[in-house]
C-alpha atoms as a PDB file:
ATOM      1  CA  MET A   1      13.990  99.757  30.988  1.00  0.00           C
ATOM      2  CA  GLY A   2      10.922  97.668  31.686  1.00  0.00           C
ATOM      3  CA  GLY A   3       7.201  97.477  32.058  1.00  0.00           C
ATOM      4  CA  ALA A   4       4.624  96.906  29.382  1.00  0.00           C
ATOM      5  CA  GLY A   5       6.659  98.868  26.824  1.00  0.00           C
ATOM      6  CA  ALA A   6       9.905  96.928  27.353  1.00  0.00           C
ATOM      7  CA  SER A   7      11.602  95.927  24.131  1.00  0.00           C
ATOM      8  CA  ASP A   8      12.765  92.510  25.305  1.00  0.00           C
ATOM      9  CA  ASP A   9      11.984  89.613  27.624  1.00  0.00           C
ATOM     10  CA  LEU A  10      13.772  90.087  30.970  1.00  0.00           C
ATOM     11  CA  ASP A  11      13.406  86.402  31.907  1.00  0.00           C
ATOM     12  CA  MET A  12      15.143  85.222  28.728  1.00  0.00           C
ATOM     13  CA  GLY A  13      18.106  87.482  29.492  1.00  0.00           C
ATOM     14  CA  TYR A  14      19.064  85.796  32.732  1.00  0.00           C
ATOM     15  CA  GLN A  15      17.993  82.361  31.499  1.00  0.00           C
ATOM     16  CA  THR A  16      20.444  82.633  28.604  1.00  0.00           C
ATOM     17  CA  GLN A  17      23.281  83.636  30.956  1.00  0.00           C
ATOM     18  CA  THR A  18      22.456  80.784  33.341  1.00  0.00           C
ATOM     19  CA  TRP A  19      22.226  78.302  30.469  1.00  0.00           C
ATOM     20  CA  CYS A  20      25.647  79.336  29.137  1.00  0.00           C
ATOM     21  CA  ALA A  21      27.152  79.075  32.634  1.00  0.00           C
ATOM     22  CA  VAL A  22      25.894  75.640  33.694  1.00  0.00           C
ATOM     23  CA  SER A  23      24.552  73.724  30.693  1.00  0.00           C
ATOM     24  CA  ASP A  24      26.211  70.583  29.354  1.00  0.00           C
ATOM     25  CA  ASN A  25      24.667  71.306  25.971  1.00  0.00           C
ATOM     26  CA  PRO A  26      27.553  71.556  23.457  1.00  0.00           C
ATOM     27  CA  ALA A  27      26.107  74.778  22.052  1.00  0.00           C
ATOM     28  CA  ALA A  28      26.343  76.426  25.482  1.00  0.00           C
ATOM     29  CA  THR A  29      29.977  75.467  26.013  1.00  0.00           C
ATOM     30  CA  VAL A  30      31.257  77.569  23.089  1.00  0.00           C
ATOM     31  CA  SER A  31      33.316  80.530  24.302  1.00  0.00           C
ATOM     32  CA  GLY A  32      33.633  83.997  22.824  1.00  0.00           C
ATOM     33  CA  GLN A  33      30.269  84.160  21.087  1.00  0.00           C
ATOM     34  CA  TYR A  34      27.346  86.581  21.250  1.00  0.00           C
ATOM     35  CA  TRP A  35      24.065  85.162  22.498  1.00  0.00           C
ATOM     36  CA  HIS A  36      20.428  86.265  22.455  1.00  0.00           C
ATOM     37  CA  HIS A  37      17.720  84.012  23.845  1.00  0.00           C
ATOM     38  CA  ARG A  38      19.986  80.933  23.801  1.00  0.00           C
ATOM     39  CA  ARG A  39      20.917  81.427  20.156  1.00  0.00           C
ATOM     40  CA  GLN A  40      24.245  82.560  18.787  1.00  0.00           C
ATOM     41  CA  GLN A  41      24.080  85.951  17.125  1.00  0.00           C
ATOM     42  CA  ARG A  42      26.447  87.899  14.944  1.00  0.00           C
ATOM     43  CA  PRO A  43      27.961  90.875  16.736  1.00  0.00           C
ATOM     44  CA  ALA A  44      27.396  94.382  15.444  1.00  0.00           C
ATOM     45  CA  VAL A  45      29.720  95.208  12.583  1.00  0.00           C
ATOM     46  CA  GLU A  46      31.378  97.847  14.801  1.00  0.00           C
ATOM     47  CA  ALA A  47      32.381  95.336  17.495  1.00  0.00           C
ATOM     48  CA  PRO A  48      35.781  94.336  16.025  1.00  0.00           C
ATOM     49  CA  ASP A  49      36.585  97.888  14.843  1.00  0.00           C
ATOM     50  CA  SER A  50      39.359  99.170  17.142  1.00  0.00           C
ATOM     51  CA  HIS A  51      38.830 102.802  16.039  1.00  0.00           C
ATOM     52  CA  PHE A  52      35.142 102.580  16.989  1.00  0.00           C
ATOM     53  CA  GLN A  53      36.073 101.007  20.322  1.00  0.00           C
ATOM     54  CA  GLU A  54      38.475 103.861  21.109  1.00  0.00           C
ATOM     55  CA  GLN A  55      35.858 106.456  20.193  1.00  0.00           C
ATOM     56  CA  LEU A  56      33.293 104.708  22.365  1.00  0.00           C
ATOM     57  CA  LEU A  57      35.612 104.553  25.376  1.00  0.00           C
ATOM     58  CA  THR A  58      36.543 108.217  24.935  1.00  0.00           C
ATOM     59  CA  THR A  59      32.904 109.275  24.732  1.00  0.00           C
ATOM     60  CA  LEU A  60      31.928 107.193  27.754  1.00  0.00           C
ATOM     61  CA  ALA A  61      34.827 108.619  29.771  1.00  0.00           C
ATOM     62  CA  LYS A  62      33.667 112.152  28.940  1.00  0.00           C
ATOM     63  CA  LEU A  63      30.078 111.370  29.905  1.00  0.00           C
ATOM     64  CA  THR A  64      30.865 109.524  33.136  1.00  0.00           C
ATOM     65  CA  HIS A  65      34.155 111.159  34.160  1.00  0.00           C
ATOM     66  CA  ILE A  66      35.550 107.624  34.534  1.00  0.00           C
ATOM     67  CA  SER A  67      38.401 106.466  32.319  1.00  0.00           C
ATOM     68  CA  LEU A  68      38.894 102.729  31.995  1.00  0.00           C
ATOM     69  CA  PHE A  69      42.425 103.016  30.623  1.00  0.00           C
END
């Protein structure tokens, strides 16, 4: 999750969230988008797939013993 072998920049993660929450920059005021390091990104192709979402929720419920729905 961290250390020298971490795959991403921890500081940029929270800075992006803070920027989206409080910035007056027009780019930051867009709702419903995916962001990475203050840049809009395309979501994974699976994100809008309702069948994939159901499978994911089912698998997570089995692993955690917590059902969201």
